Protein backbone atom coordinates (compact mmCIF):
# COMPACT_ATOMS: atom_id res chain seq x y z
CA MET A 1 13.15 33.50 -53.32
CA LYS A 2 9.77 32.78 -51.77
CA ILE A 3 6.50 33.60 -53.52
CA PHE A 4 3.60 34.38 -51.20
CA SER A 5 -0.16 34.44 -51.66
CA THR A 6 -2.20 37.64 -51.45
CA LYS A 7 -3.46 36.57 -48.02
CA GLN A 8 0.11 36.03 -46.81
CA PHE A 9 1.19 39.47 -48.04
CA TYR A 10 -1.62 41.07 -46.04
CA GLU A 11 -0.59 39.05 -42.98
CA ALA A 12 3.01 40.17 -43.46
CA ASP A 13 1.88 43.81 -43.65
CA ALA A 14 -0.13 43.52 -40.42
CA ILE A 15 2.65 41.73 -38.52
CA THR A 16 5.23 44.25 -39.76
CA VAL A 17 3.11 47.17 -38.54
CA LYS A 18 2.69 45.49 -35.15
CA ASN A 19 6.24 44.25 -34.58
CA GLN A 20 7.99 47.35 -35.90
CA GLU A 21 5.55 49.65 -34.09
CA ILE A 22 4.76 51.72 -37.15
CA LEU A 23 1.53 52.94 -38.74
CA PRO A 24 0.14 51.37 -41.95
CA ASP A 25 0.77 54.61 -43.81
CA ASP A 26 4.42 54.41 -42.70
CA LEU A 27 4.65 51.13 -44.59
CA MET A 28 3.00 52.81 -47.59
CA GLU A 29 5.56 55.62 -47.36
CA ARG A 30 8.32 53.02 -47.30
CA ALA A 31 6.95 51.30 -50.42
CA GLY A 32 6.42 54.53 -52.34
CA THR A 33 9.90 55.73 -51.41
CA GLN A 34 11.43 52.58 -52.89
CA ILE A 35 9.57 53.17 -56.15
CA PHE A 36 10.73 56.80 -56.17
CA ASN A 37 14.35 55.79 -55.47
CA TRP A 38 14.28 53.39 -58.41
CA LEU A 39 12.86 56.05 -60.72
CA HIS A 40 15.27 58.71 -59.50
CA ARG A 41 18.25 56.42 -60.17
CA GLN A 42 17.02 55.78 -63.70
CA MET A 43 16.09 59.38 -64.58
CA GLN A 44 18.65 61.46 -62.68
CA GLY A 45 16.45 64.55 -62.88
CA VAL A 46 15.65 64.28 -66.60
CA GLN A 47 12.48 66.26 -67.23
CA VAL A 48 10.12 63.82 -68.92
CA PRO A 49 6.40 64.21 -68.15
CA ILE A 50 5.35 61.49 -65.69
CA HIS A 51 1.67 60.49 -65.55
CA ILE A 52 0.67 58.61 -62.40
CA PHE A 53 -2.71 56.85 -62.43
CA CYS A 54 -3.99 56.00 -58.95
CA GLY A 55 -6.90 53.96 -57.75
CA ILE A 56 -8.58 54.73 -54.43
CA GLY A 57 -7.05 51.84 -52.46
CA ASN A 58 -3.60 51.19 -51.06
CA ASN A 59 -2.00 50.72 -54.48
CA GLY A 60 -3.27 54.17 -55.36
CA GLY A 61 -1.87 55.42 -52.05
CA ASP A 62 1.55 54.06 -53.09
CA GLY A 63 1.20 56.01 -56.33
CA LEU A 64 0.41 59.19 -54.41
CA VAL A 65 3.56 58.78 -52.32
CA VAL A 66 5.60 58.35 -55.51
CA GLY A 67 3.97 61.42 -57.02
CA ARG A 68 4.64 63.59 -53.96
CA LEU A 69 8.31 62.57 -53.79
CA LEU A 70 8.80 63.18 -57.52
CA ILE A 71 7.23 66.63 -57.20
CA GLU A 72 9.44 67.45 -54.21
CA HIS A 73 12.47 66.58 -56.34
CA GLY A 74 11.46 68.82 -59.21
CA TYR A 75 10.04 66.33 -61.70
CA ASN A 76 7.20 67.17 -64.08
CA VAL A 77 4.38 65.09 -62.59
CA PHE A 78 0.68 64.70 -63.38
CA VAL A 79 -1.42 62.69 -60.93
CA TYR A 80 -4.83 61.27 -61.81
CA ILE A 81 -7.34 59.58 -59.51
CA ALA A 82 -9.66 56.96 -61.00
CA ASN A 83 -12.65 58.03 -58.93
CA PHE A 84 -14.86 55.00 -59.61
CA THR A 85 -16.33 54.67 -56.09
CA ASP A 86 -16.74 56.63 -52.87
CA LYS A 87 -15.02 53.90 -50.86
CA ARG A 88 -11.43 54.99 -50.27
CA SER A 89 -8.84 53.38 -48.05
CA LYS A 90 -7.74 55.35 -44.98
CA ASP A 91 -4.10 55.40 -46.03
CA PHE A 92 -5.03 56.55 -49.54
CA LEU A 93 -6.84 59.53 -48.01
CA THR A 94 -3.85 60.32 -45.80
CA ASN A 95 -1.55 60.52 -48.80
CA TYR A 96 -4.14 62.34 -50.89
CA ASP A 97 -4.06 65.15 -48.30
CA ARG A 98 -0.25 65.12 -48.26
CA ILE A 99 0.12 65.53 -52.01
CA LYS A 100 -2.40 68.38 -52.04
CA HIS A 101 -0.17 70.22 -49.58
CA THR A 102 2.91 69.54 -51.73
CA SER A 103 1.81 70.97 -55.05
CA LYS A 104 -0.62 73.55 -56.39
CA LYS A 105 -1.27 71.09 -59.21
CA TRP A 106 -3.76 68.87 -57.42
CA PRO A 107 -4.57 65.35 -58.62
CA VAL A 108 -7.13 65.21 -61.41
CA LEU A 109 -10.29 63.31 -60.47
CA MET A 110 -11.40 61.14 -63.38
CA THR A 111 -15.00 59.94 -63.50
CA CYS A 112 -15.51 59.04 -67.15
CA GLU A 113 -13.82 58.55 -70.51
CA ASP A 114 -13.91 62.28 -71.23
CA ASP A 115 -11.37 62.79 -68.43
CA PHE A 116 -8.64 60.72 -70.04
CA PRO A 117 -5.55 62.92 -70.50
CA GLU A 118 -3.45 63.30 -73.63
CA ILE A 119 -0.15 61.45 -73.24
CA HIS A 120 2.83 61.79 -75.57
CA PRO A 121 4.60 58.52 -76.59
CA ASP A 122 7.83 59.81 -75.02
CA ASP A 123 6.18 60.34 -71.62
CA ILE A 124 6.15 57.88 -68.70
CA ILE A 125 3.03 56.20 -67.30
CA ILE A 126 3.00 54.84 -63.75
CA ASP A 127 0.24 52.35 -62.99
CA GLY A 128 -1.11 52.53 -59.43
CA LEU A 129 -4.73 51.73 -60.22
CA PHE A 130 -5.13 48.34 -58.54
CA GLY A 131 -2.79 46.18 -56.48
CA ILE A 132 -2.93 42.59 -55.27
CA GLY A 133 -6.26 43.25 -53.53
CA LEU A 134 -8.23 43.33 -56.78
CA ASN A 135 -11.33 41.13 -56.35
CA ARG A 136 -13.00 41.45 -59.75
CA PRO A 137 -11.99 42.50 -63.28
CA PRO A 138 -12.00 46.23 -64.01
CA GLU A 139 -15.06 47.22 -66.01
CA GLY A 140 -16.85 50.21 -67.49
CA TRP A 141 -14.83 53.35 -68.06
CA VAL A 142 -11.97 52.03 -65.87
CA LYS A 143 -11.50 49.15 -68.28
CA LEU A 144 -11.53 51.66 -71.11
CA LEU A 145 -8.85 53.64 -69.25
CA ILE A 146 -6.63 50.55 -69.07
CA GLN A 147 -7.15 49.94 -72.78
CA TYR A 148 -6.39 53.59 -73.52
CA LEU A 149 -3.12 53.40 -71.57
CA ASN A 150 -2.20 50.15 -73.30
CA SER A 151 -2.74 51.75 -76.70
CA ASN A 152 -0.24 54.48 -75.86
CA LYS A 153 3.41 53.84 -76.71
CA ALA A 154 4.67 55.59 -73.56
CA PHE A 155 6.81 53.52 -71.15
CA LYS A 156 4.56 51.91 -68.53
CA LEU A 157 5.77 51.11 -65.02
CA ALA A 158 3.48 49.06 -62.74
CA ILE A 159 3.53 49.43 -58.96
CA ASP A 160 3.71 45.95 -57.37
CA ILE A 161 1.58 44.24 -60.04
CA PRO A 162 0.03 45.36 -63.33
CA SER A 163 -3.52 46.53 -62.69
CA GLY A 164 -6.15 43.96 -63.63
CA LEU A 165 -3.84 41.03 -62.86
CA TYR A 166 -4.35 38.82 -59.81
CA SER A 167 -1.31 37.62 -57.92
CA ASP A 168 -2.41 34.04 -57.28
CA LYS A 169 -5.49 33.22 -59.35
CA ALA A 170 -6.56 33.21 -62.97
CA THR A 171 -7.24 36.44 -64.83
CA GLU A 172 -10.82 36.67 -66.04
CA ASP A 173 -10.52 39.49 -68.56
CA PHE A 174 -7.23 39.82 -70.41
CA ASP A 175 -8.48 42.98 -72.13
CA ALA A 176 -8.59 44.74 -68.75
CA VAL A 177 -4.94 44.30 -67.70
CA ILE A 178 -2.17 46.91 -67.94
CA ARG A 179 0.57 45.75 -70.30
CA ALA A 180 3.49 47.06 -68.27
CA ASN A 181 6.99 47.42 -69.67
CA ASN A 182 8.38 46.92 -66.18
CA THR A 183 6.93 46.02 -62.80
CA LEU A 184 8.41 46.91 -59.42
CA SER A 185 7.11 44.24 -57.08
CA PHE A 186 7.17 44.67 -53.31
CA GLN A 187 9.24 42.17 -51.26
CA ALA A 188 8.67 39.15 -53.52
CA PRO A 189 7.46 38.33 -57.02
CA LYS A 190 3.92 37.08 -57.59
CA LEU A 191 3.02 33.63 -58.93
CA SER A 192 1.24 35.14 -61.92
CA PHE A 193 4.58 36.56 -63.12
CA PHE A 194 5.74 33.05 -64.06
CA LEU A 195 2.72 31.45 -65.78
CA PRO A 196 2.31 31.56 -69.58
CA GLN A 197 -1.13 33.18 -69.69
CA THR A 198 -0.30 35.97 -67.23
CA ALA A 199 3.48 36.44 -67.60
CA GLN A 200 2.84 38.20 -70.91
CA PHE A 201 1.83 41.25 -68.83
CA VAL A 202 5.10 41.16 -66.86
CA PRO A 203 7.93 40.97 -69.43
CA TYR A 204 10.31 42.48 -66.84
CA PHE A 205 10.11 42.83 -63.10
CA GLU A 206 12.29 43.82 -60.20
CA VAL A 207 11.75 43.10 -56.52
CA LEU A 208 12.01 45.96 -54.02
CA ASP A 209 12.61 45.24 -50.36
CA ILE A 210 10.16 47.26 -48.26
CA GLY A 211 11.26 45.76 -44.94
CA LEU A 212 8.41 43.37 -44.20
CA ASP A 213 8.85 41.38 -40.98
CA PRO A 214 11.83 39.05 -41.65
CA GLU A 215 10.75 36.41 -39.14
CA TYR A 216 7.36 36.08 -40.81
CA LEU A 217 8.95 35.81 -44.24
CA TYR A 218 11.43 33.19 -43.02
CA LYS A 219 9.00 30.98 -41.13
CA THR A 220 5.97 31.13 -43.42
CA LYS A 221 5.57 28.31 -45.92
CA PRO A 222 5.29 30.07 -49.29
CA LEU A 223 2.94 29.49 -52.18
CA ALA A 224 5.99 28.65 -54.30
CA GLN A 225 9.73 29.25 -54.46
CA THR A 226 11.88 30.48 -57.32
CA ILE A 227 15.10 28.61 -58.04
CA GLY A 228 18.22 30.52 -59.01
CA LYS A 229 21.94 30.14 -58.58
CA PHE A 230 21.95 30.64 -54.80
CA GLU A 231 19.29 27.98 -54.17
CA VAL A 232 21.02 25.43 -56.43
CA GLN A 233 24.38 26.04 -54.78
CA GLN A 234 22.79 24.99 -51.48
CA LEU A 235 21.71 21.68 -53.05
CA TYR A 236 24.97 20.89 -54.86
CA LYS A 237 26.88 17.85 -53.54
CA PRO A 238 30.66 18.43 -53.65
CA ARG A 239 32.94 15.49 -54.34
CA SER A 240 35.57 14.06 -52.06
CA LYS A 241 39.07 13.72 -53.45
CA PHE A 242 39.13 9.97 -52.66
CA THR A 243 36.35 8.63 -54.86
CA HIS A 244 35.67 5.93 -57.42
CA LYS A 245 33.26 5.78 -60.36
CA ASN A 246 31.03 3.42 -58.40
CA ASP A 247 30.54 6.18 -55.82
CA PHE A 248 28.56 8.15 -58.39
CA GLY A 249 26.02 5.58 -59.42
CA HIS A 250 25.06 3.44 -62.37
CA VAL A 251 22.11 4.55 -64.52
CA LEU A 252 20.04 2.24 -66.68
CA MET A 253 18.69 4.34 -69.54
CA VAL A 254 15.80 2.54 -71.21
CA GLY A 255 14.40 3.70 -74.52
CA GLY A 256 14.74 3.91 -78.24
CA SER A 257 12.89 2.30 -81.11
CA TYR A 258 13.56 2.03 -84.82
CA GLY A 259 14.20 5.57 -86.09
CA LYS A 260 14.23 7.10 -82.60
CA LEU A 261 17.48 5.94 -81.06
CA GLY A 262 18.93 9.45 -80.94
CA ALA A 263 16.68 10.37 -77.99
CA THR A 264 18.13 7.68 -75.76
CA LEU A 265 21.63 8.41 -77.03
CA LEU A 266 21.28 12.08 -76.00
CA ALA A 267 19.89 11.10 -72.61
CA SER A 268 22.68 8.58 -71.98
CA LYS A 269 25.38 11.10 -72.85
CA ALA A 270 23.73 13.64 -70.52
CA VAL A 271 23.83 11.07 -67.70
CA LEU A 272 27.62 10.91 -67.93
CA ARG A 273 28.03 14.67 -68.38
CA MET A 274 26.13 15.17 -65.11
CA GLY A 275 28.73 13.09 -63.31
CA ALA A 276 27.19 9.62 -63.01
CA GLY A 277 29.85 6.92 -62.77
CA LEU A 278 28.34 4.51 -65.28
CA VAL A 279 25.49 4.33 -67.77
CA THR A 280 24.03 1.29 -69.46
CA ALA A 281 21.60 1.83 -72.33
CA TYR A 282 18.80 -0.71 -72.73
CA VAL A 283 17.66 -0.47 -76.37
CA PRO A 284 16.20 -2.61 -79.18
CA ARG A 285 18.71 -4.72 -81.08
CA CYS A 286 18.84 -2.14 -83.90
CA GLY A 287 20.51 0.25 -81.48
CA TYR A 288 23.56 -1.82 -80.61
CA SER A 289 25.95 -0.58 -83.29
CA VAL A 290 24.67 2.98 -82.98
CA PHE A 291 25.51 3.16 -79.28
CA GLN A 292 28.81 1.33 -79.46
CA THR A 293 29.93 3.75 -82.16
CA ALA A 294 28.43 7.07 -81.04
CA LEU A 295 28.92 6.75 -77.27
CA PRO A 296 31.84 4.43 -76.43
CA GLU A 297 31.60 5.41 -72.75
CA ALA A 298 28.22 3.66 -72.46
CA MET A 299 27.54 -0.04 -71.98
CA VAL A 300 24.68 -1.53 -73.97
CA ILE A 301 22.04 -4.19 -73.34
CA THR A 302 19.73 -5.06 -76.22
CA ASP A 303 16.22 -6.37 -76.23
CA VAL A 304 15.43 -9.60 -78.09
CA GLU A 305 13.23 -7.56 -80.43
CA GLU A 306 14.89 -5.73 -83.30
CA GLU A 307 12.83 -2.51 -83.42
CA TYR A 308 11.16 -1.93 -80.03
CA ILE A 309 11.38 -2.94 -76.39
CA THR A 310 9.53 -6.00 -75.11
CA SER A 311 11.18 -6.64 -71.74
CA ILE A 312 13.46 -4.74 -69.37
CA SER A 313 16.09 -6.47 -67.28
CA SER A 314 19.72 -6.11 -66.21
CA GLU A 315 22.24 -8.10 -64.21
CA PHE A 316 22.90 -5.13 -61.90
CA LYS A 317 20.72 -3.04 -59.61
CA PRO A 318 20.62 0.45 -61.15
CA ASP A 319 20.95 3.48 -58.90
CA ALA A 320 18.44 5.20 -61.20
CA ILE A 321 16.39 4.17 -64.22
CA GLY A 322 15.56 6.74 -66.88
CA ILE A 323 12.86 5.45 -69.18
CA GLY A 324 10.76 6.52 -72.14
CA THR A 325 12.97 8.51 -74.53
CA GLY A 326 12.12 7.50 -78.09
CA MET A 327 10.63 4.24 -76.80
CA GLY A 328 7.33 4.08 -78.66
CA THR A 329 4.04 2.72 -77.33
CA ASN A 330 3.92 -0.84 -78.67
CA PRO A 331 1.57 -3.05 -76.57
CA LYS A 332 4.51 -5.31 -75.68
CA THR A 333 6.42 -2.24 -74.49
CA ILE A 334 3.49 -1.35 -72.21
CA GLU A 335 3.59 -4.86 -70.72
CA ALA A 336 7.32 -4.49 -70.16
CA LEU A 337 6.66 -1.26 -68.25
CA LYS A 338 4.11 -2.99 -66.03
CA GLU A 339 6.63 -5.63 -65.09
CA LEU A 340 9.33 -3.03 -64.42
CA PHE A 341 7.05 -0.86 -62.26
CA THR A 342 6.03 -3.91 -60.26
CA LYS A 343 9.49 -5.29 -59.59
CA THR A 344 12.00 -2.44 -59.53
CA LYS A 345 13.38 -0.96 -56.34
CA SER A 346 15.38 1.67 -58.24
CA PRO A 347 14.27 5.32 -58.54
CA LEU A 348 12.48 6.00 -61.82
CA ILE A 349 12.68 9.03 -64.10
CA ILE A 350 9.76 8.68 -66.50
CA ASP A 351 9.59 10.68 -69.72
CA ALA A 352 8.13 10.86 -73.21
CA ASP A 353 6.68 7.58 -74.48
CA ALA A 354 6.73 5.99 -71.03
CA ILE A 355 4.26 8.74 -70.03
CA ASN A 356 2.25 8.11 -73.19
CA CYS A 357 2.12 4.41 -72.28
CA ILE A 358 0.73 5.36 -68.86
CA ALA A 359 -1.90 7.51 -70.55
CA LEU A 360 -2.87 4.57 -72.79
CA ASP A 361 -3.06 2.03 -69.95
CA LYS A 362 -4.22 3.56 -66.65
CA GLU A 363 -3.31 0.35 -64.81
CA LEU A 364 0.27 1.63 -64.93
CA LEU A 365 -0.76 4.54 -62.69
CA LYS A 366 -1.56 2.12 -59.88
CA LEU A 367 1.91 0.60 -60.23
CA LEU A 368 3.94 3.84 -60.19
CA PRO A 369 6.69 3.52 -57.57
CA GLU A 370 6.66 6.24 -54.90
CA ASN A 371 8.91 9.24 -55.60
CA SER A 372 9.08 8.54 -59.32
CA ILE A 373 9.84 11.65 -61.38
CA LEU A 374 7.56 12.38 -64.36
CA THR A 375 8.72 14.94 -66.94
CA PRO A 376 5.90 15.42 -69.48
CA HIS A 377 5.78 18.09 -72.15
CA PRO A 378 2.39 19.92 -72.37
CA GLY A 379 0.80 17.36 -74.68
CA GLU A 380 1.91 14.42 -72.53
CA LEU A 381 0.74 16.23 -69.40
CA LYS A 382 -2.72 16.69 -70.91
CA ARG A 383 -2.93 12.96 -71.60
CA LEU A 384 -2.11 12.30 -67.94
CA ILE A 385 -4.34 14.77 -66.10
CA GLY A 386 -6.83 15.89 -68.74
CA THR A 387 -7.46 19.43 -69.91
CA TRP A 388 -7.30 22.50 -67.70
CA LYS A 389 -9.17 25.81 -67.67
CA ASN A 390 -6.11 27.98 -67.09
CA ASP A 391 -2.58 27.83 -65.72
CA PHE A 392 -3.70 27.98 -62.09
CA ASP A 393 -6.13 25.12 -62.68
CA LYS A 394 -3.30 23.16 -64.32
CA ILE A 395 -1.12 23.60 -61.24
CA GLU A 396 -3.91 22.46 -58.94
CA LYS A 397 -4.53 19.36 -61.05
CA VAL A 398 -0.82 18.51 -61.12
CA LYS A 399 -0.59 18.97 -57.34
CA LYS A 400 -3.56 16.63 -56.90
CA PHE A 401 -1.95 14.06 -59.23
CA SER A 402 1.36 14.34 -57.38
CA LYS A 403 -0.26 13.80 -53.99
CA LYS A 404 -2.50 10.95 -55.14
CA HIS A 405 0.32 8.96 -56.75
CA LYS A 406 3.14 10.22 -54.47
CA VAL A 407 5.29 11.28 -57.41
CA ILE A 408 7.28 14.34 -58.48
CA MET A 409 5.93 16.18 -61.50
CA LEU A 410 7.72 18.61 -63.79
CA ILE A 411 5.65 21.13 -65.74
CA LYS A 412 7.96 22.11 -68.59
CA GLY A 413 7.83 25.62 -69.99
CA THR A 414 9.42 29.05 -69.98
CA PHE A 415 9.55 28.80 -66.20
CA SER A 416 9.53 25.04 -65.59
CA ILE A 417 7.83 24.13 -62.31
CA THR A 418 8.82 21.13 -60.20
CA ILE A 419 5.88 19.98 -58.07
CA GLN A 420 5.93 17.59 -55.13
CA GLY A 421 2.58 17.61 -53.38
CA ASP A 422 1.86 21.22 -52.41
CA ASP A 423 5.47 22.34 -52.94
CA LEU A 424 6.22 24.35 -56.09
CA PHE A 425 9.74 25.18 -57.31
CA ILE A 426 9.92 27.61 -60.24
CA ASN A 427 13.05 27.53 -62.37
CA THR A 428 14.49 30.86 -63.53
CA SER A 429 17.17 29.85 -66.04
CA GLY A 430 16.83 29.16 -69.76
CA ASN A 431 15.86 30.78 -73.05
CA PRO A 432 13.84 30.06 -76.24
CA GLY A 433 16.70 28.06 -77.75
CA LEU A 434 15.84 25.19 -75.41
CA ALA A 435 12.67 24.64 -77.44
CA THR A 436 14.45 22.24 -79.77
CA ALA A 437 14.14 18.55 -80.63
CA GLY A 438 15.78 16.35 -78.02
CA SER A 439 15.99 19.01 -75.30
CA GLY A 440 13.63 17.05 -73.05
CA ASP A 441 15.60 13.84 -73.61
CA VAL A 442 18.74 15.60 -72.43
CA LEU A 443 16.90 16.78 -69.30
CA THR A 444 15.78 13.22 -68.54
CA GLY A 445 19.39 12.08 -68.65
CA MET A 446 20.51 14.99 -66.48
CA ILE A 447 17.95 14.20 -63.79
CA SER A 448 18.81 10.50 -63.93
CA GLY A 449 22.51 11.29 -63.54
CA LEU A 450 21.88 13.29 -60.37
CA VAL A 451 19.53 10.72 -58.83
CA SER A 452 22.18 8.05 -59.35
CA GLN A 453 24.63 10.21 -57.37
CA GLY A 454 22.40 10.25 -54.33
CA TYR A 455 20.42 13.45 -54.81
CA GLU A 456 16.89 13.23 -53.46
CA PRO A 457 14.52 12.95 -56.44
CA VAL A 458 12.92 16.38 -55.98
CA PHE A 459 16.31 18.06 -55.55
CA ALA A 460 17.75 16.18 -58.52
CA THR A 461 14.92 17.56 -60.63
CA ILE A 462 15.38 21.13 -59.38
CA VAL A 463 19.16 21.12 -59.93
CA ALA A 464 19.01 19.42 -63.33
CA VAL A 465 16.35 21.79 -64.66
CA TYR A 466 18.40 24.77 -63.54
CA LEU A 467 21.67 23.49 -65.07
CA HIS A 468 19.81 22.54 -68.25
CA GLY A 469 18.71 26.17 -68.54
CA ILE A 470 22.15 27.56 -67.72
CA SER A 471 23.75 25.35 -70.36
CA GLY A 472 21.31 26.79 -72.86
CA ASP A 473 21.95 30.34 -71.63
CA ILE A 474 25.70 29.98 -72.06
CA TYR A 475 25.29 28.62 -75.58
CA ALA A 476 22.83 31.38 -76.51
CA THR A 477 25.23 34.06 -75.27
CA GLU A 478 28.01 32.71 -77.44
CA ASN A 479 26.07 31.56 -80.51
CA GLY A 480 22.48 32.81 -80.40
CA PHE A 481 19.59 30.62 -79.37
CA GLU A 482 18.14 29.96 -82.84
CA ALA A 483 21.01 27.59 -83.75
CA MET A 484 20.91 25.55 -80.52
CA LEU A 485 20.78 21.75 -80.78
CA ALA A 486 20.07 19.30 -77.98
CA SER A 487 23.63 18.02 -78.29
CA ASP A 488 24.83 21.58 -77.61
CA ILE A 489 22.96 21.46 -74.29
CA VAL A 490 24.77 18.23 -73.39
CA ASP A 491 28.13 19.71 -74.34
CA GLY A 492 27.37 22.80 -72.25
CA ILE A 493 26.73 20.91 -69.01
CA SER A 494 30.38 21.22 -68.02
CA LYS A 495 30.25 25.01 -68.45
CA ALA A 496 27.00 25.10 -66.48
CA TYR A 497 28.71 23.39 -63.55
CA VAL A 498 31.59 25.87 -63.74
CA ALA A 499 29.12 28.77 -63.77
CA LEU A 500 27.25 27.31 -60.80
CA LEU A 501 30.40 27.10 -58.69
CA SER A 502 31.81 30.48 -59.72
CA ASN A 503 31.21 33.80 -58.03
CA GLU A 504 30.02 35.37 -61.27
CA PRO A 505 26.37 35.22 -62.35
CA PRO A 506 25.81 32.73 -65.19
CA ALA A 507 25.18 34.04 -68.68
CA GLN A 508 21.61 35.27 -69.15
CA GLU A 509 20.46 33.90 -65.80
CA GLU A 510 16.96 35.05 -64.90
CA SER A 511 17.32 36.98 -61.64
CA GLU A 512 14.37 37.36 -59.30
CA GLU A 513 15.41 40.98 -58.88
CA ASN A 514 15.71 41.70 -62.58
CA ASN A 515 13.60 39.33 -64.57
CA SER A 516 14.17 39.30 -68.31
CA GLU A 517 11.74 38.58 -71.11
CA ASN A 518 9.71 35.39 -71.34
CA LYS A 519 11.83 32.70 -72.88
CA ALA A 520 9.28 30.93 -75.02
């Protein structure tokens, strides 16, 4: 599903009004009706007091439509207007007049803290104070209103976006944001729903189709795109019946050091589970017996050094090279990386200590082969690009890094984001159980296995991240996520493939239309 910027949403509104020959308030009626329909399905006429808080812009107008429709259907509704300025949108005023003709209980105009109503914890609060057009943090008594609503234990439903939150830029005042229990977002989710600092205000969301111009939505390049089962199915490469192991690539998995061989072992096993034809592990000499015993399906090349890697070579041309898992940052290892980066023609998947080596010796940045895939965890990312002010600043810095070095970057997290230049792909699978030792090593192997099979690097990253999350989701459904080990993720890859190719939704998959709680 596409994620659009605030500017693009406004363009979509204007084009919809023009092409469908409707009035702007018709579009507002359409949006409010969808909110009402959702509420009506959930409540089925149950008489719980509903408190709707409206601003004086279009988001408030949506709230007024919801209020009018609820009143017409016999619900117990209280509507409040946060009257913080004389500037009201035209469509807000239209719906303000309509609701006054619907009920004798006119909306309450609030102008100060003394006007805040008493709300029982069993009531429902609907937030229509501010929408995506917010241009500065709420302040004064309006900020106090938001804090008052947050302090109440009543269920809070946000219209389109929690008030005080921006859709596509950093929040300036976290104390002035509605902490919604659920958000009903129009047409598409917002980027802020997926970033750690702002997603805390959107633990659940659903997307409501309000009929924006389909041609505009189809043709417009989005701010980002969410990745779920449907998108990954489009990228999946089916196998022909008449195939051979050499048709699915040979991965060279480089890594390991004394005491850290398990990382490369996990990655190598994941390579094979993803369907690569062959994997050869390049490890220090101390790893030979470990690999030959623990993973008989792998071939092994050992370095001349006993405990760390000093040179990287093979007698075959790998279809992909995964490098860095458990490798360490010995100066001789850094020199070996320089030689590899200079000479190799194979696609590189760079993780863990290989990234730390790059951070220690910036000369390696100049040698990065084009279309390499870098998979840093937050600490490794900070060593690469420096610190960031907020999540939006982090994304901009990663985009700049990706474009400058012509590489694919993966920002790992609750919603991992694959970045290639200006293109953002937000993963929607996974759960907190994936935050376990070795999980990233498994992902490196999974990506490497797909690259070796001919997947374009960016698509290999997208598909592997999704299947990695689904494997974790299936395990968590059966066993709980607290007990998950990285080896469980490897073992679950086969089930993840089955889930991908089935008609049933995978276990615990994060749907764009019904987003579950943050995973970490």
